[in-house]
C-alpha atoms as a PDB file:
ATOM      1  CA  MET A   1       0.000   0.000   0.000  1.00  0.00           C
ATOM      2  CA  ASN A   2       2.800   2.414   0.901  1.00  0.00           C
ATOM      3  CA  ARG A   3       4.545   1.696  -2.392  1.00  0.00           C
ATOM      4  CA  ARG A   4       1.291   2.345  -4.241  1.00  0.00           C
ATOM      5  CA  LEU A   5       0.872   5.690  -2.464  1.00  0.00           C
ATOM      6  CA  VAL A   6       4.444   6.652  -3.302  1.00  0.00           C
ATOM      7  CA  PHE A   7       3.829   5.697  -6.943  1.00  0.00           C
ATOM      8  CA  LEU A   8       0.638   7.761  -7.115  1.00  0.00           C
ATOM      9  CA  ALA A   9       2.372  10.721  -5.466  1.00  0.00           C
ATOM     10  CA  SER A  10       5.148  10.482  -8.034  1.00  0.00           C
ATOM     11  CA  LEU A  11       2.617  10.530 -10.865  1.00  0.00           C
ATOM     12  CA  ALA A  12       0.956  13.609  -9.356  1.00  0.00           C
ATOM     13  CA  ALA A  13       4.295  15.397  -9.078  1.00  0.00           C
ATOM     14  CA  LEU A  14       5.118  14.527 -12.670  1.00  0.00           C
ATOM     15  CA  ALA A  15       1.774  15.866 -13.859  1.00  0.00           C
ATOM     16  CA  ALA A  16       2.450  19.143 -12.029  1.00  0.00           C
ATOM     17  CA  SER A  17       5.898  19.463 -13.572  1.00  0.00           C
ATOM     18  CA  PRO A  18       6.285  21.819 -16.535  1.00  0.00           C
ATOM     19  CA  PHE A  19       8.096  19.033 -18.365  1.00  0.00           C
ATOM     20  CA  ALA A  20       4.851  17.069 -18.413  1.00  0.00           C
ATOM     21  CA  HIS A  21       3.450  19.689 -20.790  1.00  0.00           C
ATOM     22  CA  SER A  22       6.205  19.589 -23.386  1.00  0.00           C
ATOM     23  CA  ASP A  23       3.610  18.580 -26.011  1.00  0.00           C
ATOM     24  CA  VAL A  24       0.992  21.228 -25.251  1.00  0.00           C
ATOM     25  CA  ALA A  25      -1.994  20.961 -27.591  1.00  0.00           C
ATOM     26  CA  PHE A  26      -1.840  24.528 -28.853  1.00  0.00           C
ATOM     27  CA  PRO A  27      -3.244  25.903 -31.027  1.00  0.00           C
ATOM     28  CA  ASN A  28      -6.347  23.803 -31.581  1.00  0.00           C
ATOM     29  CA  LYS A  29      -8.149  26.409 -33.705  1.00  0.00           C
ATOM     30  CA  ALA A  30      -7.389  29.553 -35.680  1.00  0.00           C
ATOM     31  CA  VAL A  31      -5.348  32.199 -33.842  1.00  0.00           C
ATOM     32  CA  THR A  32      -5.953  35.950 -34.064  1.00  0.00           C
ATOM     33  CA  PHE A  33      -3.175  38.527 -33.806  1.00  0.00           C
ATOM     34  CA  VAL A  34      -4.698  41.853 -32.754  1.00  0.00           C
ATOM     35  CA  VAL A  35      -2.547  44.812 -33.828  1.00  0.00           C
ATOM     36  CA  PRO A  36      -3.859  48.002 -32.161  1.00  0.00           C
ATOM     37  CA  LEU A  37      -2.239  50.152 -34.842  1.00  0.00           C
ATOM     38  CA  ALA A  38      -2.924  50.929 -38.483  1.00  0.00           C
ATOM     39  CA  VAL A  39      -2.013  48.807 -41.489  1.00  0.00           C
ATOM     40  CA  GLY A  40       1.412  49.481 -42.993  1.00  0.00           C
ATOM     41  CA  GLY A  41       3.395  50.405 -39.889  1.00  0.00           C
ATOM     42  CA  GLY A  42       6.312  48.464 -38.455  1.00  0.00           C
ATOM     43  CA  THR A  43       4.166  46.578 -35.936  1.00  0.00           C
ATOM     44  CA  ASP A  44       1.691  45.522 -38.613  1.00  0.00           C
ATOM     45  CA  ILE A  45       4.404  44.371 -41.020  1.00  0.00           C
ATOM     46  CA  LEU A  46       6.184  42.366 -38.335  1.00  0.00           C
ATOM     47  CA  ALA A  47       2.933  40.821 -37.071  1.00  0.00           C
ATOM     48  CA  ARG A  48       2.025  39.637 -40.567  1.00  0.00           C
ATOM     49  CA  LYS A  49       5.433  38.149 -41.233  1.00  0.00           C
ATOM     50  CA  LEU A  50       5.413  36.405 -37.849  1.00  0.00           C
ATOM     51  CA  ALA A  51       1.888  35.113 -38.507  1.00  0.00           C
ATOM     52  CA  GLN A  52       2.920  33.688 -41.852  1.00  0.00           C
ATOM     53  CA  ASN A  53       5.861  31.767 -40.387  1.00  0.00           C
ATOM     54  CA  LEU A  54       4.087  30.640 -37.221  1.00  0.00           C
ATOM     55  CA  SER A  55       1.070  29.387 -39.154  1.00  0.00           C
ATOM     56  CA  THR A  56       3.393  27.103 -41.097  1.00  0.00           C
ATOM     57  CA  LEU A  57       5.026  25.888 -37.894  1.00  0.00           C
ATOM     58  CA  TRP A  58       1.665  25.322 -36.196  1.00  0.00           C
ATOM     59  CA  SER A  59      -0.211  24.056 -39.265  1.00  0.00           C
ATOM     60  CA  GLN A  60      -2.949  26.441 -38.206  1.00  0.00           C
ATOM     61  CA  SER A  61      -4.256  29.684 -39.694  1.00  0.00           C
ATOM     62  CA  ILE A  62      -3.438  33.009 -38.042  1.00  0.00           C
ATOM     63  CA  VAL A  63      -5.567  36.065 -38.786  1.00  0.00           C
ATOM     64  CA  VAL A  64      -4.071  39.539 -38.305  1.00  0.00           C
ATOM     65  CA  GLU A  65      -6.667  42.148 -37.339  1.00  0.00           C
ATOM     66  CA  ASN A  66      -5.831  45.839 -37.136  1.00  0.00           C
ATOM     67  CA  VAL A  67      -7.975  47.344 -34.376  1.00  0.00           C
ATOM     68  CA  SER A  68      -6.564  50.859 -34.275  1.00  0.00           C
ATOM     69  CA  GLY A  69      -7.759  53.990 -32.554  1.00  0.00           C
ATOM     70  CA  ALA A  70      -7.820  55.650 -29.141  1.00  0.00           C
ATOM     71  CA  SER A  71      -4.049  55.362 -28.666  1.00  0.00           C
ATOM     72  CA  SER A  72      -4.120  51.556 -29.030  1.00  0.00           C
ATOM     73  CA  ILE A  73      -6.681  51.267 -26.220  1.00  0.00           C
ATOM     74  CA  ILE A  74      -9.449  49.621 -28.266  1.00  0.00           C
ATOM     75  CA  GLY A  75      -7.358  46.747 -29.592  1.00  0.00           C
ATOM     76  CA  THR A  76      -5.515  46.215 -26.327  1.00  0.00           C
ATOM     77  CA  GLN A  77      -8.775  46.100 -24.378  1.00  0.00           C
ATOM     78  CA  ARG A  78     -10.126  43.473 -26.746  1.00  0.00           C
ATOM     79  CA  VAL A  79      -7.249  41.103 -26.024  1.00  0.00           C
ATOM     80  CA  ALA A  80      -7.304  41.845 -22.294  1.00  0.00           C
ATOM     81  CA  ARG A  81     -10.949  40.727 -22.210  1.00  0.00           C
ATOM     82  CA  SER A  82     -10.455  37.664 -24.415  1.00  0.00           C
ATOM     83  CA  GLN A  83     -10.597  34.072 -23.250  1.00  0.00           C
ATOM     84  CA  PRO A  84      -7.308  33.190 -21.506  1.00  0.00           C
ATOM     85  CA  ASP A  85      -6.453  30.430 -23.963  1.00  0.00           C
ATOM     86  CA  ALA A  86      -3.993  32.447 -26.117  1.00  0.00           C
ATOM     87  CA  HIS A  87      -6.009  32.035 -29.304  1.00  0.00           C
ATOM     88  CA  THR A  88      -6.279  35.832 -29.298  1.00  0.00           C
ATOM     89  CA  LEU A  89      -2.896  37.519 -28.895  1.00  0.00           C
ATOM     90  CA  LEU A  90      -1.804  41.156 -28.843  1.00  0.00           C
ATOM     91  CA  VAL A  91       1.100  42.320 -31.017  1.00  0.00           C
ATOM     92  CA  THR A  92       1.981  45.845 -29.947  1.00  0.00           C
ATOM     93  CA  THR A  93       4.577  48.413 -28.906  1.00  0.00           C
ATOM     94  CA  ASN A  94       5.529  50.293 -25.737  1.00  0.00           C
ATOM     95  CA  GLY A  95       2.688  52.785 -26.021  1.00  0.00           C
ATOM     96  CA  ALA A  96      -0.181  50.470 -25.121  1.00  0.00           C
ATOM     97  CA  ILE A  97       1.723  48.720 -22.332  1.00  0.00           C
ATOM     98  CA  VAL A  98       3.847  51.506 -20.847  1.00  0.00           C
ATOM     99  CA  GLY A  99       2.940  54.970 -22.105  1.00  0.00           C
ATOM    100  CA  ASN A 100      -0.845  54.894 -21.786  1.00  0.00           C
ATOM    101  CA  ARG A 101      -0.794  54.356 -18.037  1.00  0.00           C
ATOM    102  CA  PHE A 102       0.812  57.786 -17.635  1.00  0.00           C
ATOM    103  CA  LEU A 103      -1.304  59.690 -20.145  1.00  0.00           C
ATOM    104  CA  PHE A 104      -4.815  58.588 -19.192  1.00  0.00           C
ATOM    105  CA  LYS A 105      -6.449  58.909 -15.783  1.00  0.00           C
ATOM    106  CA  SER A 106      -8.168  55.588 -16.314  1.00  0.00           C
ATOM    107  CA  LEU A 107      -7.842  52.711 -18.764  1.00  0.00           C
ATOM    108  CA  PRO A 108     -10.337  49.928 -19.498  1.00  0.00           C
ATOM    109  CA  TYR A 109      -7.504  47.471 -18.949  1.00  0.00           C
ATOM    110  CA  ASP A 110      -4.615  47.104 -16.504  1.00  0.00           C
ATOM    111  CA  PRO A 111      -1.389  46.463 -18.451  1.00  0.00           C
ATOM    112  CA  ASP A 112       0.123  44.536 -15.545  1.00  0.00           C
ATOM    113  CA  LYS A 113      -2.908  42.620 -14.276  1.00  0.00           C
ATOM    114  CA  ASP A 114      -4.831  41.877 -17.479  1.00  0.00           C
ATOM    115  CA  LEU A 115      -2.012  40.911 -19.839  1.00  0.00           C
ATOM    116  CA  VAL A 116       0.995  38.617 -19.637  1.00  0.00           C
ATOM    117  CA  PRO A 117       4.200  39.108 -21.683  1.00  0.00           C
ATOM    118  CA  VAL A 118       4.849  36.225 -24.074  1.00  0.00           C
ATOM    119  CA  ALA A 119       7.766  37.305 -26.262  1.00  0.00           C
ATOM    120  CA  GLN A 120       9.726  40.405 -27.153  1.00  0.00           C
ATOM    121  CA  LEU A 121      10.080  40.476 -30.924  1.00  0.00           C
ATOM    122  CA  ALA A 122      12.414  43.406 -31.523  1.00  0.00           C
ATOM    123  CA  ASP A 123      14.416  46.271 -30.026  1.00  0.00           C
ATOM    124  CA  ILE A 124      14.443  49.366 -32.225  1.00  0.00           C
ATOM    125  CA  ASP A 125      16.611  52.491 -32.154  1.00  0.00           C
ATOM    126  CA  MET A 126      14.870  55.467 -33.715  1.00  0.00           C
ATOM    127  CA  VAL A 127      15.675  58.145 -36.284  1.00  0.00           C
ATOM    128  CA  LEU A 128      14.231  61.650 -36.482  1.00  0.00           C
ATOM    129  CA  LEU A 129      12.898  62.173 -40.005  1.00  0.00           C
ATOM    130  CA  ALA A 130      11.981  65.538 -41.500  1.00  0.00           C
ATOM    131  CA  HIS A 131      10.283  66.638 -44.692  1.00  0.00           C
ATOM    132  CA  GLN A 132      12.816  67.970 -47.173  1.00  0.00           C
ATOM    133  CA  SER A 133      11.253  71.433 -47.023  1.00  0.00           C
ATOM    134  CA  LEU A 134      12.234  71.867 -43.364  1.00  0.00           C
ATOM    135  CA  ALA A 135      15.161  74.271 -43.178  1.00  0.00           C
ATOM    136  CA  ALA A 136      16.802  72.585 -40.173  1.00  0.00           C
ATOM    137  CA  LYS A 137      19.426  69.930 -40.902  1.00  0.00           C
ATOM    138  CA  ASN A 138      20.102  68.749 -37.330  1.00  0.00           C
ATOM    139  CA  LEU A 139      18.790  69.061 -33.777  1.00  0.00           C
ATOM    140  CA  LYS A 140      20.538  72.378 -33.055  1.00  0.00           C
ATOM    141  CA  GLU A 141      19.069  73.992 -36.142  1.00  0.00           C
ATOM    142  CA  LEU A 142      15.665  72.501 -35.309  1.00  0.00           C
ATOM    143  CA  VAL A 143      15.720  74.112 -31.868  1.00  0.00           C
ATOM    144  CA  ALA A 144      16.729  77.454 -33.386  1.00  0.00           C
ATOM    145  CA  GLN A 145      13.934  77.292 -35.958  1.00  0.00           C
ATOM    146  CA  ALA A 146      11.318  76.333 -33.363  1.00  0.00           C
ATOM    147  CA  ARG A 147      12.390  79.213 -31.103  1.00  0.00           C
ATOM    148  CA  LYS A 148      12.269  81.704 -33.949  1.00  0.00           C
ATOM    149  CA  ASP A 149       8.758  80.712 -35.025  1.00  0.00           C
ATOM    150  CA  PRO A 150       6.923  78.919 -32.154  1.00  0.00           C
ATOM    151  CA  GLY A 151       4.270  76.436 -33.262  1.00  0.00           C
ATOM    152  CA  SER A 152       5.271  76.513 -36.924  1.00  0.00           C
ATOM    153  CA  VAL A 153       6.945  73.087 -36.828  1.00  0.00           C
ATOM    154  CA  THR A 154       4.755  70.008 -36.389  1.00  0.00           C
ATOM    155  CA  TYR A 155       5.601  66.404 -35.598  1.00  0.00           C
ATOM    156  CA  ALA A 156       3.599  63.256 -36.279  1.00  0.00           C
ATOM    157  CA  SER A 157       3.479  60.295 -33.910  1.00  0.00           C
ATOM    158  CA  TYR A 158       1.731  56.943 -34.057  1.00  0.00           C
ATOM    159  CA  GLY A 159      -0.453  57.896 -31.108  1.00  0.00           C
ATOM    160  CA  ILE A 160      -0.734  59.629 -27.773  1.00  0.00           C
ATOM    161  CA  GLY A 161       1.469  57.848 -25.262  1.00  0.00           C
ATOM    162  CA  SER A 162       3.849  56.490 -27.875  1.00  0.00           C
ATOM    163  CA  GLN A 163       7.572  56.814 -27.236  1.00  0.00           C
ATOM    164  CA  PRO A 164       7.956  59.479 -29.972  1.00  0.00           C
ATOM    165  CA  HIS A 165       5.198  61.538 -28.342  1.00  0.00           C
ATOM    166  CA  LEU A 166       6.788  61.363 -24.901  1.00  0.00           C
ATOM    167  CA  LEU A 167      10.283  62.163 -26.146  1.00  0.00           C
ATOM    168  CA  MET A 168       9.196  65.112 -28.274  1.00  0.00           C
ATOM    169  CA  GLU A 169       7.222  66.605 -25.384  1.00  0.00           C
ATOM    170  CA  LEU A 170      10.287  66.228 -23.165  1.00  0.00           C
ATOM    171  CA  PHE A 171      12.304  67.943 -25.923  1.00  0.00           C
ATOM    172  CA  ASN A 172       9.791  70.816 -25.972  1.00  0.00           C
ATOM    173  CA  LYS A 173      10.007  71.166 -22.193  1.00  0.00           C
ATOM    174  CA  ARG A 174      13.782  70.977 -21.902  1.00  0.00           C
ATOM    175  CA  GLU A 175      14.489  73.387 -24.757  1.00  0.00           C
ATOM    176  CA  GLY A 176      11.633  75.817 -24.118  1.00  0.00           C
ATOM    177  CA  ILE A 177      10.192  75.365 -27.600  1.00  0.00           C
ATOM    178  CA  GLN A 178       6.824  74.454 -29.106  1.00  0.00           C
ATOM    179  CA  ILE A 179       6.830  71.745 -31.765  1.00  0.00           C
ATOM    180  CA  THR A 180       3.175  70.832 -32.235  1.00  0.00           C
ATOM    181  CA  HIS A 181       2.010  67.230 -31.844  1.00  0.00           C
ATOM    182  CA  VAL A 182      -0.208  65.621 -34.506  1.00  0.00           C
ATOM    183  CA  PRO A 183      -1.153  62.053 -33.435  1.00  0.00           C
ATOM    184  CA  TYR A 184      -2.074  59.397 -36.003  1.00  0.00           C
ATOM    185  CA  LYS A 185      -3.529  55.891 -35.665  1.00  0.00           C
ATOM    186  CA  GLY A 186      -0.299  54.178 -36.620  1.00  0.00           C
ATOM    187  CA  LEU A 187       3.213  54.647 -37.954  1.00  0.00           C
ATOM    188  CA  GLY A 188       2.143  54.203 -41.584  1.00  0.00           C
ATOM    189  CA  PRO A 189      -0.158  57.250 -41.584  1.00  0.00           C
ATOM    190  CA  ALA A 190       2.412  59.254 -39.590  1.00  0.00           C
ATOM    191  CA  LEU A 191       5.136  58.547 -42.167  1.00  0.00           C
ATOM    192  CA  THR A 192       2.758  59.328 -45.018  1.00  0.00           C
ATOM    193  CA  SER A 193       1.945  62.709 -43.471  1.00  0.00           C
ATOM    194  CA  VAL A 194       5.630  63.658 -43.321  1.00  0.00           C
ATOM    195  CA  MET A 195       6.299  62.463 -46.868  1.00  0.00           C
ATOM    196  CA  ALA A 196       3.360  64.587 -48.038  1.00  0.00           C
ATOM    197  CA  GLY A 197       4.555  67.617 -46.076  1.00  0.00           C
ATOM    198  CA  GLU A 198       1.409  67.685 -43.938  1.00  0.00           C
ATOM    199  CA  THR A 199       3.656  67.456 -40.869  1.00  0.00           C
ATOM    200  CA  MET A 200       7.356  68.208 -40.693  1.00  0.00           C
ATOM    201  CA  LEU A 201       8.826  65.568 -38.365  1.00  0.00           C
ATOM    202  CA  THR A 202       8.399  62.068 -37.038  1.00  0.00           C
ATOM    203  CA  LEU A 203      10.405  59.575 -35.003  1.00  0.00           C
ATOM    204  CA  THR A 204      10.543  56.062 -36.400  1.00  0.00           C
ATOM    205  CA  GLY A 205      12.667  52.953 -36.449  1.00  0.00           C
ATOM    206  CA  ARG A 206      15.356  53.100 -39.118  1.00  0.00           C
ATOM    207  CA  GLY A 207      13.944  50.146 -41.019  1.00  0.00           C
ATOM    208  CA  SER A 208      10.410  51.539 -41.040  1.00  0.00           C
ATOM    209  CA  GLY A 209      11.698  54.875 -42.289  1.00  0.00           C
ATOM    210  CA  ASP A 210      13.895  53.519 -45.093  1.00  0.00           C
ATOM    211  CA  ALA A 211      11.205  53.794 -47.774  1.00  0.00           C
ATOM    212  CA  ALA A 212      10.486  57.389 -46.783  1.00  0.00           C
ATOM    213  CA  ILE A 213      14.202  58.180 -46.927  1.00  0.00           C
ATOM    214  CA  ARG A 214      14.682  56.497 -50.312  1.00  0.00           C
ATOM    215  CA  SER A 215      11.725  58.418 -51.707  1.00  0.00           C
ATOM    216  CA  GLY A 216      13.767  61.614 -51.490  1.00  0.00           C
ATOM    217  CA  LYS A 217      10.880  63.357 -49.751  1.00  0.00           C
ATOM    218  CA  THR A 218      12.419  63.139 -46.283  1.00  0.00           C
ATOM    219  CA  LYS A 219      15.811  63.540 -44.648  1.00  0.00           C
ATOM    220  CA  VAL A 220      17.338  62.227 -41.427  1.00  0.00           C
ATOM    221  CA  LEU A 221      18.092  64.864 -38.777  1.00  0.00           C
ATOM    222  CA  ASN A 222      19.240  62.632 -35.936  1.00  0.00           C
ATOM    223  CA  TYR A 223      19.908  59.019 -34.972  1.00  0.00           C
ATOM    224  CA  ASN A 224      18.821  57.998 -31.470  1.00  0.00           C
ATOM    225  CA  ALA A 225      21.513  55.469 -30.653  1.00  0.00           C
ATOM    226  CA  ASP A 226      24.926  55.015 -29.057  1.00  0.00           C
ATOM    227  CA  LYS A 227      26.764  55.158 -32.382  1.00  0.00           C
ATOM    228  CA  ARG A 228      26.113  56.309 -35.914  1.00  0.00           C
ATOM    229  CA  ASP A 229      24.119  54.208 -38.338  1.00  0.00           C
ATOM    230  CA  PRO A 230      26.386  52.605 -40.977  1.00  0.00           C
ATOM    231  CA  LEU A 231      23.712  53.293 -43.613  1.00  0.00           C
ATOM    232  CA  HIS A 232      23.662  57.012 -42.724  1.00  0.00           C
ATOM    233  CA  PRO A 233      27.204  57.713 -41.465  1.00  0.00           C
ATOM    234  CA  ASP A 234      26.867  61.489 -41.843  1.00  0.00           C
ATOM    235  CA  VAL A 235      23.928  61.696 -39.435  1.00  0.00           C
ATOM    236  CA  PRO A 236      24.983  62.486 -35.839  1.00  0.00           C
ATOM    237  CA  VAL A 237      23.644  60.728 -32.776  1.00  0.00           C
ATOM    238  CA  SER A 238      21.920  62.712 -30.043  1.00  0.00           C
ATOM    239  CA  ALA A 239      24.938  63.004 -27.738  1.00  0.00           C
ATOM    240  CA  GLU A 240      27.109  64.368 -30.556  1.00  0.00           C
ATOM    241  CA  SER A 241      24.550  67.098 -31.201  1.00  0.00           C
ATOM    242  CA  GLY A 242      24.555  68.130 -27.545  1.00  0.00           C
ATOM    243  CA  TYR A 243      21.247  66.518 -26.535  1.00  0.00           C
ATOM    244  CA  PRO A 244      22.192  63.243 -24.808  1.00  0.00           C
ATOM    245  CA  TYR A 245      18.737  62.940 -23.209  1.00  0.00           C
ATOM    246  CA  PHE A 246      17.108  62.897 -26.677  1.00  0.00           C
ATOM    247  CA  ARG A 247      17.202  59.139 -26.802  1.00  0.00           C
ATOM    248  CA  VAL A 248      14.434  56.595 -26.839  1.00  0.00           C
ATOM    249  CA  ALA A 249      14.031  53.108 -28.193  1.00  0.00           C
ATOM    250  CA  THR A 250      10.909  51.149 -28.834  1.00  0.00           C
ATOM    251  CA  TRP A 251      10.025  47.488 -29.056  1.00  0.00           C
ATOM    252  CA  HIS A 252       7.491  45.111 -30.504  1.00  0.00           C
ATOM    253  CA  GLY A 253       6.081  42.372 -28.299  1.00  0.00           C
ATOM    254  CA  VAL A 254       3.434  39.662 -28.011  1.00  0.00           C
ATOM    255  CA  PHE A 255       1.006  39.494 -25.072  1.00  0.00           C
ATOM    256  CA  ALA A 256      -1.690  37.047 -23.982  1.00  0.00           C
ATOM    257  CA  PRO A 257      -4.681  37.543 -21.681  1.00  0.00           C
ATOM    258  CA  ARG A 258      -3.830  37.092 -18.001  1.00  0.00           C
ATOM    259  CA  GLY A 259      -4.780  33.597 -16.888  1.00  0.00           C
ATOM    260  CA  THR A 260      -3.368  31.903 -19.967  1.00  0.00           C
ATOM    261  CA  PRO A 261      -1.711  28.668 -18.748  1.00  0.00           C
ATOM    262  CA  LYS A 262       2.027  29.054 -18.221  1.00  0.00           C
ATOM    263  CA  GLU A 263       2.766  26.003 -20.341  1.00  0.00           C
ATOM    264  CA  VAL A 264       0.906  27.590 -23.269  1.00  0.00           C
ATOM    265  CA  VAL A 265       2.845  30.843 -22.836  1.00  0.00           C
ATOM    266  CA  ALA A 266       6.074  28.828 -22.737  1.00  0.00           C
ATOM    267  CA  LYS A 267       5.182  26.981 -25.945  1.00  0.00           C
ATOM    268  CA  ILE A 268       4.285  30.146 -27.842  1.00  0.00           C
ATOM    269  CA  HIS A 269       7.494  31.805 -26.642  1.00  0.00           C
ATOM    270  CA  LYS A 270       9.555  28.806 -27.738  1.00  0.00           C
ATOM    271  CA  ASP A 271       7.911  28.713 -31.161  1.00  0.00           C
ATOM    272  CA  ILE A 272       8.333  32.464 -31.673  1.00  0.00           C
ATOM    273  CA  LEU A 273      12.047  32.130 -30.887  1.00  0.00           C
ATOM    274  CA  THR A 274      12.215  29.353 -33.476  1.00  0.00           C
ATOM    275  CA  VAL A 275      10.803  31.757 -36.066  1.00  0.00           C
ATOM    276  CA  LEU A 276      13.029  34.663 -34.983  1.00  0.00           C
ATOM    277  CA  ASN A 277      16.085  32.448 -35.404  1.00  0.00           C
ATOM    278  CA  GLN A 278      15.197  31.311 -38.916  1.00  0.00           C
ATOM    279  CA  PRO A 279      18.026  32.757 -41.084  1.00  0.00           C
ATOM    280  CA  GLU A 280      15.738  34.448 -43.622  1.00  0.00           C
ATOM    281  CA  PHE A 281      13.508  35.952 -40.929  1.00  0.00           C
ATOM    282  CA  ARG A 282      16.473  37.147 -38.878  1.00  0.00           C
ATOM    283  CA  GLU A 283      18.170  38.683 -41.920  1.00  0.00           C
ATOM    284  CA  ASP A 284      15.000  40.616 -42.726  1.00  0.00           C
ATOM    285  CA  MET A 285      14.840  41.895 -39.133  1.00  0.00           C
ATOM    286  CA  VAL A 286      18.435  43.121 -39.271  1.00  0.00           C
ATOM    287  CA  LYS A 287      17.779  44.890 -42.587  1.00  0.00           C
ATOM    288  CA  ARG A 288      14.903  46.715 -40.917  1.00  0.00           C
ATOM    289  CA  GLY A 289      17.238  47.940 -38.202  1.00  0.00           C
ATOM    290  CA  TYR A 290      15.734  45.679 -35.541  1.00  0.00           C
ATOM    291  CA  GLY A 291      17.663  44.104 -32.726  1.00  0.00           C
ATOM    292  CA  VAL A 292      16.449  40.546 -32.142  1.00  0.00           C
ATOM    293  CA  PRO A 293      16.254  39.796 -28.396  1.00  0.00           C
ATOM    294  CA  THR A 294      16.045  36.307 -26.912  1.00  0.00           C
ATOM    295  CA  ARG A 295      14.578  37.238 -23.528  1.00  0.00           C
ATOM    296  CA  SER A 296      12.311  34.876 -21.622  1.00  0.00           C
ATOM    297  CA  PRO A 297       8.781  36.030 -20.721  1.00  0.00           C
ATOM    298  CA  ASP A 298       9.986  36.855 -17.190  1.00  0.00           C
ATOM    299  CA  GLU A 299      12.967  38.812 -18.545  1.00  0.00           C
ATOM    300  CA  PHE A 300      10.667  40.683 -20.924  1.00  0.00           C
ATOM    301  CA  ALA A 301       8.394  41.523 -17.976  1.00  0.00           C
ATOM    302  CA  ALA A 302      11.409  42.917 -16.100  1.00  0.00           C
ATOM    303  CA  VAL A 303      12.327  45.084 -19.116  1.00  0.00           C
ATOM    304  CA  ILE A 304       8.797  46.472 -19.138  1.00  0.00           C
ATOM    305  CA  GLN A 305       8.856  47.345 -15.431  1.00  0.00           C
ATOM    306  CA  GLU A 306      12.200  49.111 -15.807  1.00  0.00           C
ATOM    307  CA  GLU A 307      10.782  51.065 -18.725  1.00  0.00           C
ATOM    308  CA  VAL A 308       7.732  51.980 -16.643  1.00  0.00           C
ATOM    309  CA  ARG A 309      10.062  53.581 -14.099  1.00  0.00           C
ATOM    310  CA  ALA A 310      12.072  55.409 -16.778  1.00  0.00           C
ATOM    311  CA  THR A 311       8.954  56.577 -18.619  1.00  0.00           C
ATOM    312  CA  GLY A 312       7.462  57.868 -15.387  1.00  0.00           C
ATOM    313  CA  ASP A 313      10.550  60.027 -14.945  1.00  0.00           C
ATOM    314  CA  MET A 314      10.284  61.236 -18.563  1.00  0.00           C
ATOM    315  CA  VAL A 315       6.597  62.112 -18.213  1.00  0.00           C
ATOM    316  CA  LYS A 316       7.294  63.992 -14.990  1.00  0.00           C
ATOM    317  CA  ALA A 317      10.203  65.892 -16.534  1.00  0.00           C
ATOM    318  CA  ALA A 318       8.072  66.819 -19.540  1.00  0.00           C
ATOM    319  CA  GLY A 319       5.308  68.073 -17.259  1.00  0.00           C
ATOM    320  CA  LEU A 320       2.638  65.933 -18.915  1.00  0.00           C
ATOM    321  CA  LYS A 321      -0.626  65.380 -17.063  1.00  0.00           C
ATOM    322  CA  PRO A 322      -3.010  62.449 -17.583  1.00  0.00           C
ATOM    323  CA  GLU A 323      -6.172  63.238 -19.524  1.00  0.00           C
END
């Protein structure tokens, strides 16, 4: 009898072990990637490429839905309220997870309690793009122009609470200037507005901005990184221009509804890493100027919490108040 009890206890322990779930039955139906930003931006492009590769790996269809608007709140809320089985996943950037908590008095979702980090897809240093008609050629000249004619220069962002929005408002505060914010529902529309001359500036990842640069309609004023971009060696980084604080990076990540089983999160993370490490996929990421992280879900969560602290300091320094 004692041996039988020991045997049964061993089986119970094995069942509770994460190794017992190495063959998790996921997905068992079509998966939806919700992108809370407009079609054509960096997040949308990456989500669609990831969906294509993962659907092959999973032998299951993945639908990408762009649910943009309200600073990514609508799409993010949809995933936060979805069934916690990971068949509806959020593919988003810092804004929805970090920035919004500082810019809105209340949100219909709690980024920490309602969502769980699954995988960080990319780290992205940003470039400051300007329409060719803008007289300024670098940050110093931009500050001088904005001081001479307050409110005449506009910048586009992919939404209130986005990293570009926060950094530009900090820039306004620190330099005593007024560069006017024009928020769009995604990076694609923001880039289009600058190319058309409807707005004068935008911050974007280098890869996302390459088409705008090649078009000849825009120019690069600044590179937000530690060292110059090999593709644009004549463009200074922020510290070289005398504005070391003018530095922000963004990321793309995948999130599941809170309550999703840990073994399912682990499987999705593992499979996403498999895709990220495929040579063709990785080469495309590098061409887009993306760093490809390999952080675990817990490490990604720690990155987010550190960014929450840093963003809180940036919001405070910029004097922004929640709406």
